[in-house]
Amino acid sequence: MPYVDGFLIAVPKQKLDDYKALASLAGPIWIEHGALSYVECVGDDVPYGKLTSFPRAVHAKDDEVVIFSWVTYDSRETRDSVVGKVMDDPRLADEQWQDIFDGKRMIYGGFQSFLKL
């Protein structure tokens, strides 16, 4: 069963095309360094909940969309290695991301799969 990294961010609507271009650059780099898959999704039906919701989680503003992403790996060990390589890859300098979304509001974490149907 794959190990999964999940990510949730808010992206200003006017920067969505920039985000998509950067994600299109990042995905192949993740795969090059050993990830099994790389998926990016833009919120289409993510209502602002009364208590909890995807938009609340990232403090999304009215002019922002929620992005949900995940990357899969064959193991936690592989994930740790791949993330280290990706973070050191000069093609994905932090400055690129900082101009598109607020990393302080990003939610992320690693998950061990236990069921796949």
PDB file of N, CA and C in Angstrom:
ATOM      1  N   MET A   1       0.849  -1.188   0.000  1.00  0.00           N
ATOM      2  CA  MET A   1       0.000   0.000   0.000  1.00  0.00           C
ATOM      3  C   MET A   1       0.892   1.249   0.000  1.00  0.00           C
ATOM      4  N   PRO A   2       0.535   2.246  -0.781  1.00  0.00           N
ATOM      5  CA  PRO A   2       1.392   3.434  -0.884  1.00  0.00           C
ATOM      6  C   PRO A   2       1.351   4.317   0.357  1.00  0.00           C
ATOM      7  N   TYR A   3       2.415   5.037   0.540  1.00  0.00           N
ATOM      8  CA  TYR A   3       2.476   6.108   1.533  1.00  0.00           C
ATOM      9  C   TYR A   3       2.022   7.371   0.803  1.00  0.00           C
ATOM     10  N   VAL A   4       1.227   8.221   1.454  1.00  0.00           N
ATOM     11  CA  VAL A   4       0.623   9.377   0.794  1.00  0.00           C
ATOM     12  C   VAL A   4       0.936  10.654   1.555  1.00  0.00           C
ATOM     13  N   ASP A   5       1.399  11.671   0.846  1.00  0.00           N
ATOM     14  CA  ASP A   5       1.500  13.031   1.381  1.00  0.00           C
ATOM     15  C   ASP A   5       0.297  13.798   0.866  1.00  0.00           C
ATOM     16  N   GLY A   6      -0.419  14.482   1.753  1.00  0.00           N
ATOM     17  CA  GLY A   6      -1.558  15.299   1.359  1.00  0.00           C
ATOM     18  C   GLY A   6      -1.283  16.759   1.621  1.00  0.00           C
ATOM     19  N   PHE A   7      -1.812  17.620   0.766  1.00  0.00           N
ATOM     20  CA  PHE A   7      -1.600  19.065   0.863  1.00  0.00           C
ATOM     21  C   PHE A   7      -2.907  19.799   0.614  1.00  0.00           C
ATOM     22  N   LEU A   8      -3.123  20.869   1.345  1.00  0.00           N
ATOM     23  CA  LEU A   8      -4.296  21.721   1.173  1.00  0.00           C
ATOM     24  C   LEU A   8      -3.818  23.163   1.253  1.00  0.00           C
ATOM     25  N   ILE A   9      -4.132  23.960   0.213  1.00  0.00           N
ATOM     26  CA  ILE A   9      -3.725  25.363   0.190  1.00  0.00           C
ATOM     27  C   ILE A   9      -4.840  26.222  -0.406  1.00  0.00           C
ATOM     28  N   ALA A  10      -4.709  27.517  -0.214  1.00  0.00           N
ATOM     29  CA  ALA A  10      -5.596  28.494  -0.845  1.00  0.00           C
ATOM     30  C   ALA A  10      -4.767  29.284  -1.850  1.00  0.00           C
ATOM     31  N   VAL A  11      -5.294  29.423  -3.059  1.00  0.00           N
ATOM     32  CA  VAL A  11      -4.601  30.150  -4.126  1.00  0.00           C
ATOM     33  C   VAL A  11      -5.511  31.269  -4.625  1.00  0.00           C
ATOM     34  N   PRO A  12      -4.992  32.490  -4.722  1.00  0.00           N
ATOM     35  CA  PRO A  12      -5.811  33.564  -5.294  1.00  0.00           C
ATOM     36  C   PRO A  12      -6.280  33.187  -6.698  1.00  0.00           C
ATOM     37  N   LYS A  13      -7.542  33.454  -6.988  1.00  0.00           N
ATOM     38  CA  LYS A  13      -8.102  33.086  -8.286  1.00  0.00           C
ATOM     39  C   LYS A  13      -7.306  33.675  -9.435  1.00  0.00           C
ATOM     40  N   GLN A  14      -6.811  34.890  -9.270  1.00  0.00           N
ATOM     41  CA  GLN A  14      -6.060  35.523 -10.357  1.00  0.00           C
ATOM     42  C   GLN A  14      -4.682  34.882 -10.553  1.00  0.00           C
ATOM     43  N   LYS A  15      -4.246  34.029  -9.614  1.00  0.00           N
ATOM     44  CA  LYS A  15      -2.955  33.355  -9.751  1.00  0.00           C
ATOM     45  C   LYS A  15      -3.103  31.862 -10.030  1.00  0.00           C
ATOM     46  N   LEU A  16      -4.321  31.419 -10.302  1.00  0.00           N
ATOM     47  CA  LEU A  16      -4.561  29.994 -10.526  1.00  0.00           C
ATOM     48  C   LEU A  16      -3.776  29.468 -11.728  1.00  0.00           C
ATOM     49  N   ASP A  17      -3.723  30.205 -12.816  1.00  0.00           N
ATOM     50  CA  ASP A  17      -2.956  29.747 -13.979  1.00  0.00           C
ATOM     51  C   ASP A  17      -1.471  29.637 -13.646  1.00  0.00           C
ATOM     52  N   ASP A  18      -0.957  30.573 -12.847  1.00  0.00           N
ATOM     53  CA  ASP A  18       0.443  30.503 -12.415  1.00  0.00           C
ATOM     54  C   ASP A  18       0.673  29.255 -11.567  1.00  0.00           C
ATOM     55  N   TYR A  19      -0.280  28.963 -10.671  1.00  0.00           N
ATOM     56  CA  TYR A  19      -0.156  27.772  -9.835  1.00  0.00           C
ATOM     57  C   TYR A  19      -0.169  26.508 -10.701  1.00  0.00           C
ATOM     58  N   LYS A  20      -1.080  26.454 -11.650  1.00  0.00           N
ATOM     59  CA  LYS A  20      -1.154  25.281 -12.522  1.00  0.00           C
ATOM     60  C   LYS A  20       0.147  25.083 -13.295  1.00  0.00           C
ATOM     61  N   ALA A  21       0.754  26.162 -13.750  1.00  0.00           N
ATOM     62  CA  ALA A  21       2.026  26.066 -14.480  1.00  0.00           C
ATOM     63  C   ALA A  21       3.133  25.554 -13.558  1.00  0.00           C
ATOM     64  N   LEU A  22       3.161  26.056 -12.333  1.00  0.00           N
ATOM     65  CA  LEU A  22       4.176  25.615 -11.390  1.00  0.00           C
ATOM     66  C   LEU A  22       3.960  24.154 -10.992  1.00  0.00           C
ATOM     67  N   ALA A  23       2.703  23.755 -10.810  1.00  0.00           N
ATOM     68  CA  ALA A  23       2.398  22.357 -10.490  1.00  0.00           C
ATOM     69  C   ALA A  23       2.798  21.444 -11.649  1.00  0.00           C
ATOM     70  N   SER A  24       2.619  21.917 -12.868  1.00  0.00           N
ATOM     71  CA  SER A  24       3.013  21.139 -14.044  1.00  0.00           C
ATOM     72  C   SER A  24       4.526  20.956 -14.113  1.00  0.00           C
ATOM     73  N   LEU A  25       5.264  21.903 -13.567  1.00  0.00           N
ATOM     74  CA  LEU A  25       6.715  21.783 -13.456  1.00  0.00           C
ATOM     75  C   LEU A  25       7.078  20.845 -12.307  1.00  0.00           C
ATOM     76  N   ALA A  26       6.407  21.002 -11.164  1.00  0.00           N
ATOM     77  CA  ALA A  26       6.754  20.260  -9.952  1.00  0.00           C
ATOM     78  C   ALA A  26       6.451  18.772 -10.057  1.00  0.00           C
ATOM     79  N   GLY A  27       5.319  18.413 -10.625  1.00  0.00           N
ATOM     80  CA  GLY A  27       4.917  17.010 -10.687  1.00  0.00           C
ATOM     81  C   GLY A  27       5.968  16.102 -11.289  1.00  0.00           C
ATOM     82  N   PRO A  28       6.459  16.414 -12.487  1.00  0.00           N
ATOM     83  CA  PRO A  28       7.490  15.555 -13.082  1.00  0.00           C
ATOM     84  C   PRO A  28       8.775  15.493 -12.245  1.00  0.00           C
ATOM     85  N   ILE A  29       9.074  16.564 -11.516  1.00  0.00           N
ATOM     86  CA  ILE A  29      10.267  16.555 -10.656  1.00  0.00           C
ATOM     87  C   ILE A  29      10.066  15.575  -9.507  1.00  0.00           C
ATOM     88  N   TRP A  30       8.872  15.584  -8.904  1.00  0.00           N
ATOM     89  CA  TRP A  30       8.559  14.623  -7.842  1.00  0.00           C
ATOM     90  C   TRP A  30       8.719  13.195  -8.383  1.00  0.00           C
ATOM     91  N   ILE A  31       8.162  12.948  -9.567  1.00  0.00           N
ATOM     92  CA  ILE A  31       8.239  11.613 -10.174  1.00  0.00           C
ATOM     93  C   ILE A  31       9.700  11.255 -10.476  1.00  0.00           C
ATOM     94  N   GLU A  32      10.439  12.208 -11.016  1.00  0.00           N
ATOM     95  CA  GLU A  32      11.857  11.989 -11.328  1.00  0.00           C
ATOM     96  C   GLU A  32      12.630  11.543 -10.087  1.00  0.00           C
ATOM     97  N   HIS A  33      12.285  12.108  -8.940  1.00  0.00           N
ATOM     98  CA  HIS A  33      13.001  11.788  -7.701  1.00  0.00           C
ATOM     99  C   HIS A  33      12.457  10.549  -6.991  1.00  0.00           C
ATOM    100  N   GLY A  34      11.395   9.919  -7.535  1.00  0.00           N
ATOM    101  CA  GLY A  34      10.965   8.644  -6.987  1.00  0.00           C
ATOM    102  C   GLY A  34       9.523   8.519  -6.535  1.00  0.00           C
ATOM    103  N   ALA A  35       8.718   9.571  -6.644  1.00  0.00           N
ATOM    104  CA  ALA A  35       7.305   9.453  -6.294  1.00  0.00           C
ATOM    105  C   ALA A  35       6.595   8.559  -7.304  1.00  0.00           C
ATOM    106  N   LEU A  36       5.551   7.878  -6.847  1.00  0.00           N
ATOM    107  CA  LEU A  36       4.763   7.024  -7.738  1.00  0.00           C
ATOM    108  C   LEU A  36       3.735   7.812  -8.532  1.00  0.00           C
ATOM    109  N   SER A  37       3.127   8.807  -7.883  1.00  0.00           N
ATOM    110  CA  SER A  37       2.121   9.634  -8.558  1.00  0.00           C
ATOM    111  C   SER A  37       2.068  11.006  -7.908  1.00  0.00           C
ATOM    112  N   TYR A  38       1.507  11.957  -8.650  1.00  0.00           N
ATOM    113  CA  TYR A  38       1.412  13.348  -8.213  1.00  0.00           C
ATOM    114  C   TYR A  38       0.093  13.877  -8.756  1.00  0.00           C
ATOM    115  N   VAL A  39      -0.799  14.322  -7.862  1.00  0.00           N
ATOM    116  CA  VAL A  39      -2.135  14.757  -8.270  1.00  0.00           C
ATOM    117  C   VAL A  39      -2.432  16.138  -7.691  1.00  0.00           C
ATOM    118  N   GLU A  40      -2.973  17.029  -8.513  1.00  0.00           N
ATOM    119  CA  GLU A  40      -3.390  18.376  -8.100  1.00  0.00           C
ATOM    120  C   GLU A  40      -4.856  18.564  -8.471  1.00  0.00           C
ATOM    121  N   CYS A  41      -5.654  19.067  -7.536  1.00  0.00           N
ATOM    122  CA  CYS A  41      -7.081  19.279  -7.774  1.00  0.00           C
ATOM    123  C   CYS A  41      -7.474  20.676  -7.308  1.00  0.00           C
ATOM    124  N   VAL A  42      -8.331  21.335  -8.087  1.00  0.00           N
ATOM    125  CA  VAL A  42      -8.849  22.647  -7.703  1.00  0.00           C
ATOM    126  C   VAL A  42     -10.279  22.468  -7.203  1.00  0.00           C
ATOM    127  N   GLY A  43     -10.599  23.133  -6.091  1.00  0.00           N
ATOM    128  CA  GLY A  43     -11.918  22.998  -5.489  1.00  0.00           C
ATOM    129  C   GLY A  43     -13.036  23.378  -6.440  1.00  0.00           C
ATOM    130  N   ASP A  44     -14.027  22.522  -6.517  1.00  0.00           N
ATOM    131  CA  ASP A  44     -15.165  22.721  -7.393  1.00  0.00           C
ATOM    132  C   ASP A  44     -16.461  22.746  -6.586  1.00  0.00           C
ATOM    133  N   ASP A  45     -16.484  21.990  -5.493  1.00  0.00           N
ATOM    134  CA  ASP A  45     -17.655  21.899  -4.631  1.00  0.00           C
ATOM    135  C   ASP A  45     -17.168  21.815  -3.187  1.00  0.00           C
ATOM    136  N   VAL A  46     -16.668  22.923  -2.689  1.00  0.00           N
ATOM    137  CA  VAL A  46     -16.097  22.980  -1.337  1.00  0.00           C
ATOM    138  C   VAL A  46     -16.741  24.132  -0.557  1.00  0.00           C
ATOM    139  N   PRO A  47     -17.955  23.907  -0.065  1.00  0.00           N
ATOM    140  CA  PRO A  47     -18.659  24.976   0.640  1.00  0.00           C
ATOM    141  C   PRO A  47     -17.956  25.368   1.939  1.00  0.00           C
ATOM    142  N   TYR A  48     -18.158  26.606   2.304  1.00  0.00           N
ATOM    143  CA  TYR A  48     -17.616  27.142   3.551  1.00  0.00           C
ATOM    144  C   TYR A  48     -18.506  26.657   4.687  1.00  0.00           C
ATOM    145  N   GLY A  49     -18.017  25.742   5.498  1.00  0.00           N
ATOM    146  CA  GLY A  49     -18.815  25.137   6.558  1.00  0.00           C
ATOM    147  C   GLY A  49     -19.016  26.053   7.757  1.00  0.00           C
ATOM    148  N   LYS A  50     -20.013  25.722   8.549  1.00  0.00           N
ATOM    149  CA  LYS A  50     -20.293  26.506   9.757  1.00  0.00           C
ATOM    150  C   LYS A  50     -19.234  26.302  10.824  1.00  0.00           C
ATOM    151  N   LEU A  51     -18.711  25.094  10.921  1.00  0.00           N
ATOM    152  CA  LEU A  51     -17.708  24.804  11.940  1.00  0.00           C
ATOM    153  C   LEU A  51     -16.363  24.421  11.321  1.00  0.00           C
ATOM    154  N   THR A  52     -16.400  23.473  10.365  1.00  0.00           N
ATOM    155  CA  THR A  52     -15.174  23.043   9.693  1.00  0.00           C
ATOM    156  C   THR A  52     -15.429  22.901   8.201  1.00  0.00           C
ATOM    157  N   SER A  53     -14.386  23.032   7.421  1.00  0.00           N
ATOM    158  CA  SER A  53     -14.463  22.839   5.972  1.00  0.00           C
ATOM    159  C   SER A  53     -13.067  23.030   5.391  1.00  0.00           C
ATOM    160  N   PHE A  54     -12.903  22.632   4.142  1.00  0.00           N
ATOM    161  CA  PHE A  54     -11.623  22.864   3.477  1.00  0.00           C
ATOM    162  C   PHE A  54     -11.298  24.356   3.430  1.00  0.00           C
ATOM    163  N   PRO A  55     -12.235  25.233   3.016  1.00  0.00           N
ATOM    164  CA  PRO A  55     -11.895  26.659   2.992  1.00  0.00           C
ATOM    165  C   PRO A  55     -11.545  27.211   4.377  1.00  0.00           C
ATOM    166  N   ARG A  56     -12.272  26.800   5.410  1.00  0.00           N
ATOM    167  CA  ARG A  56     -11.958  27.257   6.775  1.00  0.00           C
ATOM    168  C   ARG A  56     -10.569  26.799   7.201  1.00  0.00           C
ATOM    169  N   ALA A  57     -10.221  25.579   6.840  1.00  0.00           N
ATOM    170  CA  ALA A  57      -8.943  25.014   7.261  1.00  0.00           C
ATOM    171  C   ALA A  57      -7.757  25.861   6.795  1.00  0.00           C
ATOM    172  N   VAL A  58      -7.856  26.428   5.600  1.00  0.00           N
ATOM    173  CA  VAL A  58      -6.746  27.228   5.047  1.00  0.00           C
ATOM    174  C   VAL A  58      -7.046  28.724   5.065  1.00  0.00           C
ATOM    175  N   HIS A  59      -8.107  29.093   5.777  1.00  0.00           N
ATOM    176  CA  HIS A  59      -8.510  30.508   5.861  1.00  0.00           C
ATOM    177  C   HIS A  59      -8.666  31.125   4.473  1.00  0.00           C
ATOM    178  N   ALA A  60      -9.328  30.386   3.576  1.00  0.00           N
ATOM    179  CA  ALA A  60      -9.531  30.866   2.208  1.00  0.00           C
ATOM    180  C   ALA A  60     -10.386  32.128   2.204  1.00  0.00           C
ATOM    181  N   LYS A  61      -9.966  33.086   1.411  1.00  0.00           N
ATOM    182  CA  LYS A  61     -10.701  34.339   1.245  1.00  0.00           C
ATOM    183  C   LYS A  61     -11.655  34.204   0.055  1.00  0.00           C
ATOM    184  N   ASP A  62     -12.550  35.170  -0.088  1.00  0.00           N
ATOM    185  CA  ASP A  62     -13.536  35.125  -1.174  1.00  0.00           C
ATOM    186  C   ASP A  62     -12.893  35.076  -2.562  1.00  0.00           C
ATOM    187  N   ASP A  63     -11.703  35.641  -2.692  1.00  0.00           N
ATOM    188  CA  ASP A  63     -11.042  35.684  -3.996  1.00  0.00           C
ATOM    189  C   ASP A  63     -10.028  34.548  -4.178  1.00  0.00           C
ATOM    190  N   GLU A  64     -10.149  33.485  -3.369  1.00  0.00           N
ATOM    191  CA  GLU A  64      -9.229  32.361  -3.446  1.00  0.00           C
ATOM    192  C   GLU A  64      -9.967  31.053  -3.717  1.00  0.00           C
ATOM    193  N   VAL A  65      -9.247  30.101  -4.299  1.00  0.00           N
ATOM    194  CA  VAL A  65      -9.760  28.746  -4.501  1.00  0.00           C
ATOM    195  C   VAL A  65      -8.925  27.794  -3.657  1.00  0.00           C
ATOM    196  N   VAL A  66      -9.541  26.684  -3.287  1.00  0.00           N
ATOM    197  CA  VAL A  66      -8.845  25.675  -2.500  1.00  0.00           C
ATOM    198  C   VAL A  66      -8.228  24.637  -3.442  1.00  0.00           C
ATOM    199  N   ILE A  67      -6.973  24.317  -3.182  1.00  0.00           N
ATOM    200  CA  ILE A  67      -6.258  23.296  -3.931  1.00  0.00           C
ATOM    201  C   ILE A  67      -5.992  22.123  -2.989  1.00  0.00           C
ATOM    202  N   PHE A  68      -6.339  20.919  -3.451  1.00  0.00           N
ATOM    203  CA  PHE A  68      -6.084  19.695  -2.701  1.00  0.00           C
ATOM    204  C   PHE A  68      -5.161  18.845  -3.550  1.00  0.00           C
ATOM    205  N   SER A  69      -4.049  18.412  -2.972  1.00  0.00           N
ATOM    206  CA  SER A  69      -3.035  17.679  -3.728  1.00  0.00           C
ATOM    207  C   SER A  69      -2.559  16.481  -2.930  1.00  0.00           C
ATOM    208  N   TRP A  70      -2.065  15.482  -3.657  1.00  0.00           N
ATOM    209  CA  TRP A  70      -1.413  14.377  -2.968  1.00  0.00           C
ATOM    210  C   TRP A  70      -0.349  13.772  -3.854  1.00  0.00           C
ATOM    211  N   VAL A  71       0.632  13.187  -3.179  1.00  0.00           N
ATOM    212  CA  VAL A  71       1.746  12.519  -3.835  1.00  0.00           C
ATOM    213  C   VAL A  71       1.852  11.142  -3.188  1.00  0.00           C
ATOM    214  N   THR A  72       2.061  10.110  -4.000  1.00  0.00           N
ATOM    215  CA  THR A  72       2.200   8.769  -3.434  1.00  0.00           C
ATOM    216  C   THR A  72       3.620   8.238  -3.621  1.00  0.00           C
ATOM    217  N   TYR A  73       3.990   7.362  -2.692  1.00  0.00           N
ATOM    218  CA  TYR A  73       5.331   6.752  -2.665  1.00  0.00           C
ATOM    219  C   TYR A  73       5.171   5.287  -2.284  1.00  0.00           C
ATOM    220  N   ASP A  74       6.197   4.491  -2.518  1.00  0.00           N
ATOM    221  CA  ASP A  74       6.089   3.083  -2.148  1.00  0.00           C
ATOM    222  C   ASP A  74       6.273   2.848  -0.651  1.00  0.00           C
ATOM    223  N   SER A  75       6.844   3.826   0.079  1.00  0.00           N
ATOM    224  CA  SER A  75       7.044   3.666   1.516  1.00  0.00           C
ATOM    225  C   SER A  75       7.323   5.033   2.162  1.00  0.00           C
ATOM    226  N   ARG A  76       7.261   5.069   3.467  1.00  0.00           N
ATOM    227  CA  ARG A  76       7.614   6.290   4.213  1.00  0.00           C
ATOM    228  C   ARG A  76       9.084   6.633   3.983  1.00  0.00           C
ATOM    229  N   GLU A  77       9.923   5.632   3.947  1.00  0.00           N
ATOM    230  CA  GLU A  77      11.353   5.852   3.739  1.00  0.00           C
ATOM    231  C   GLU A  77      11.611   6.499   2.379  1.00  0.00           C
ATOM    232  N   THR A  78      10.929   5.982   1.353  1.00  0.00           N
ATOM    233  CA  THR A  78      11.067   6.581   0.023  1.00  0.00           C
ATOM    234  C   THR A  78      10.569   8.013   0.043  1.00  0.00           C
ATOM    235  N   ARG A  79       9.433   8.238   0.696  1.00  0.00           N
ATOM    236  CA  ARG A  79       8.889   9.608   0.797  1.00  0.00           C
ATOM    237  C   ARG A  79       9.903  10.553   1.417  1.00  0.00           C
ATOM    238  N   ASP A  80      10.525  10.147   2.527  1.00  0.00           N
ATOM    239  CA  ASP A  80      11.496  11.014   3.194  1.00  0.00           C
ATOM    240  C   ASP A  80      12.657  11.346   2.267  1.00  0.00           C
ATOM    241  N   SER A  81      13.105  10.369   1.513  1.00  0.00           N
ATOM    242  CA  SER A  81      14.197  10.584   0.561  1.00  0.00           C
ATOM    243  C   SER A  81      13.769  11.512  -0.578  1.00  0.00           C
ATOM    244  N   VAL A  82      12.595  11.241  -1.151  1.00  0.00           N
ATOM    245  CA  VAL A  82      12.102  12.040  -2.282  1.00  0.00           C
ATOM    246  C   VAL A  82      11.894  13.494  -1.855  1.00  0.00           C
ATOM    247  N   VAL A  83      11.254  13.704  -0.720  1.00  0.00           N
ATOM    248  CA  VAL A  83      10.989  15.083  -0.268  1.00  0.00           C
ATOM    249  C   VAL A  83      12.302  15.830  -0.062  1.00  0.00           C
ATOM    250  N   GLY A  84      13.308  15.166   0.494  1.00  0.00           N
ATOM    251  CA  GLY A  84      14.610  15.811   0.661  1.00  0.00           C
ATOM    252  C   GLY A  84      15.196  16.248  -0.662  1.00  0.00           C
ATOM    253  N   LYS A  85      15.110  15.372  -1.659  1.00  0.00           N
ATOM    254  CA  LYS A  85      15.642  15.695  -2.985  1.00  0.00           C
ATOM    255  C   LYS A  85      14.849  16.819  -3.646  1.00  0.00           C
ATOM    256  N   VAL A  86      13.531  16.770  -3.505  1.00  0.00           N
ATOM    257  CA  VAL A  86      12.687  17.817  -4.106  1.00  0.00           C
ATOM    258  C   VAL A  86      12.982  19.166  -3.463  1.00  0.00           C
ATOM    259  N   MET A  87      13.102  19.187  -2.142  1.00  0.00           N
ATOM    260  CA  MET A  87      13.368  20.452  -1.448  1.00  0.00           C
ATOM    261  C   MET A  87      14.720  21.045  -1.840  1.00  0.00           C
ATOM    262  N   ASP A  88      15.666  20.186  -2.224  1.00  0.00           N
ATOM    263  CA  ASP A  88      16.989  20.650  -2.644  1.00  0.00           C
ATOM    264  C   ASP A  88      17.085  20.919  -4.141  1.00  0.00           C
ATOM    265  N   ASP A  89      16.038  20.600  -4.890  1.00  0.00           N
ATOM    266  CA  ASP A  89      16.085  20.752  -6.339  1.00  0.00           C
ATOM    267  C   ASP A  89      15.977  22.231  -6.714  1.00  0.00           C
ATOM    268  N   PRO A  90      16.971  22.787  -7.379  1.00  0.00           N
ATOM    269  CA  PRO A  90      16.957  24.225  -7.711  1.00  0.00           C
ATOM    270  C   PRO A  90      15.838  24.627  -8.670  1.00  0.00           C
ATOM    271  N   ARG A  91      15.243  23.658  -9.350  1.00  0.00           N
ATOM    272  CA  ARG A  91      14.138  23.986 -10.260  1.00  0.00           C
ATOM    273  C   ARG A  91      12.868  24.373  -9.508  1.00  0.00           C
ATOM    274  N   LEU A  92      12.837  24.093  -8.201  1.00  0.00           N
ATOM    275  CA  LEU A  92      11.661  24.415  -7.393  1.00  0.00           C
ATOM    276  C   LEU A  92      12.027  25.341  -6.243  1.00  0.00           C
ATOM    277  N   ALA A  93      12.648  26.445  -6.571  1.00  0.00           N
ATOM    278  CA  ALA A  93      13.049  27.411  -5.551  1.00  0.00           C
ATOM    279  C   ALA A  93      11.834  27.941  -4.797  1.00  0.00           C
ATOM    280  N   ASP A  94      11.997  28.131  -3.488  1.00  0.00           N
ATOM    281  CA  ASP A  94      10.905  28.630  -2.637  1.00  0.00           C
ATOM    282  C   ASP A  94      10.275  29.912  -3.162  1.00  0.00           C
ATOM    283  N   GLU A  95      11.065  30.753  -3.767  1.00  0.00           N
ATOM    284  CA  GLU A  95      10.555  32.048  -4.234  1.00  0.00           C
ATOM    285  C   GLU A  95       9.408  31.877  -5.227  1.00  0.00           C
ATOM    286  N   GLN A  96       9.465  30.840  -6.032  1.00  0.00           N
ATOM    287  CA  GLN A  96       8.411  30.596  -7.017  1.00  0.00           C
ATOM    288  C   GLN A  96       7.070  30.393  -6.329  1.00  0.00           C
ATOM    289  N   TRP A  97       7.053  29.581  -5.282  1.00  0.00           N
ATOM    290  CA  TRP A  97       5.807  29.260  -4.584  1.00  0.00           C
ATOM    291  C   TRP A  97       5.304  30.460  -3.790  1.00  0.00           C
ATOM    292  N   GLN A  98       6.213  31.189  -3.169  1.00  0.00           N
ATOM    293  CA  GLN A  98       5.832  32.306  -2.301  1.00  0.00           C
ATOM    294  C   GLN A  98       5.071  33.386  -3.049  1.00  0.00           C
ATOM    295  N   ASP A  99       5.330  33.543  -4.328  1.00  0.00           N
ATOM    296  CA  ASP A  99       4.636  34.556  -5.122  1.00  0.00           C
ATOM    297  C   ASP A  99       3.212  34.125  -5.499  1.00  0.00           C
ATOM    298  N   ILE A 100       2.890  32.837  -5.303  1.00  0.00           N
ATOM    299  CA  ILE A 100       1.605  32.324  -5.764  1.00  0.00           C
ATOM    300  C   ILE A 100       0.642  32.032  -4.612  1.00  0.00           C
ATOM    301  N   PHE A 101       1.140  31.511  -3.488  1.00  0.00           N
ATOM    302  CA  PHE A 101       0.260  31.228  -2.355  1.00  0.00           C
ATOM    303  C   PHE A 101       0.997  31.422  -1.044  1.00  0.00           C
ATOM    304  N   ASP A 102       0.220  31.553   0.024  1.00  0.00           N
ATOM    305  CA  ASP A 102       0.752  31.774   1.362  1.00  0.00           C
ATOM    306  C   ASP A 102       1.034  30.428   2.024  1.00  0.00           C
ATOM    307  N   GLY A 103       2.297  30.051   2.072  1.00  0.00           N
ATOM    308  CA  GLY A 103       2.688  28.769   2.639  1.00  0.00           C
ATOM    309  C   GLY A 103       2.367  28.623   4.114  1.00  0.00           C
ATOM    310  N   LYS A 104       2.173  29.724   4.823  1.00  0.00           N
ATOM    311  CA  LYS A 104       1.841  29.656   6.247  1.00  0.00           C
ATOM    312  C   LYS A 104       0.449  29.071   6.467  1.00  0.00           C
ATOM    313  N   ARG A 105      -0.397  29.129   5.431  1.00  0.00           N
ATOM    314  CA  ARG A 105      -1.748  28.581   5.557  1.00  0.00           C
ATOM    315  C   ARG A 105      -1.873  27.186   4.953  1.00  0.00           C
ATOM    316  N   MET A 106      -0.768  26.637   4.477  1.00  0.00           N
ATOM    317  CA  MET A 106      -0.787  25.301   3.901  1.00  0.00           C
ATOM    318  C   MET A 106      -0.935  24.258   5.009  1.00  0.00           C
ATOM    319  N   ILE A 107      -1.751  23.244   4.736  1.00  0.00           N
ATOM    320  CA  ILE A 107      -1.885  22.096   5.627  1.00  0.00           C
ATOM    321  C   ILE A 107      -1.305  20.907   4.879  1.00  0.00           C
ATOM    322  N   TYR A 108      -0.481  20.132   5.553  1.00  0.00           N
ATOM    323  CA  TYR A 108       0.120  18.977   4.895  1.00  0.00           C
ATOM    324  C   TYR A 108       0.410  17.895   5.926  1.00  0.00           C
ATOM    325  N   GLY A 109       0.546  16.694   5.454  1.00  0.00           N
ATOM    326  CA  GLY A 109       0.896  15.592   6.329  1.00  0.00           C
ATOM    327  C   GLY A 109       1.071  14.305   5.549  1.00  0.00           C
ATOM    328  N   GLY A 110       1.736  13.356   6.195  1.00  0.00           N
ATOM    329  CA  GLY A 110       1.970  12.050   5.600  1.00  0.00           C
ATOM    330  C   GLY A 110       1.019  11.014   6.186  1.00  0.00           C
ATOM    331  N   PHE A 111       0.559  10.110   5.339  1.00  0.00           N
ATOM    332  CA  PHE A 111      -0.445   9.123   5.727  1.00  0.00           C
ATOM    333  C   PHE A 111      -0.052   7.736   5.239  1.00  0.00           C
ATOM    334  N   GLN A 112      -0.188   6.756   6.120  1.00  0.00           N
ATOM    335  CA  GLN A 112       0.018   5.359   5.750  1.00  0.00           C
ATOM    336  C   GLN A 112      -1.297   4.783   5.274  1.00  0.00           C
ATOM    337  N   SER A 113      -1.339   4.288   4.071  1.00  0.00           N
ATOM    338  CA  SER A 113      -2.563   3.686   3.521  1.00  0.00           C
ATOM    339  C   SER A 113      -2.893   2.412   4.296  1.00  0.00           C
ATOM    340  N   PHE A 114      -4.192   2.164   4.473  1.00  0.00           N
ATOM    341  CA  PHE A 114      -4.594   0.902   5.090  1.00  0.00           C
ATOM    342  C   PHE A 114      -5.703   0.192   4.332  1.00  0.00           C
ATOM    343  N   LEU A 115      -6.303   0.860   3.335  1.00  0.00           N
ATOM    344  CA  LEU A 115      -7.364   0.233   2.546  1.00  0.00           C
ATOM    345  C   LEU A 115      -7.377   0.847   1.159  1.00  0.00           C
ATOM    346  N   LYS A 116      -7.437  -0.018   0.157  1.00  0.00           N
ATOM    347  CA  LYS A 116      -7.564   0.441  -1.226  1.00  0.00           C
ATOM    348  C   LYS A 116      -8.523  -0.510  -1.915  1.00  0.00           C
ATOM    349  N   LEU A 117      -9.597   0.022  -2.470  1.00  0.00           N
ATOM    350  CA  LEU A 117     -10.609  -0.820  -3.131  1.00  0.00           C
ATOM    351  C   LEU A 117     -10.606  -0.562  -4.629  1.00  0.00           C
TER     352      LEU A 117
END
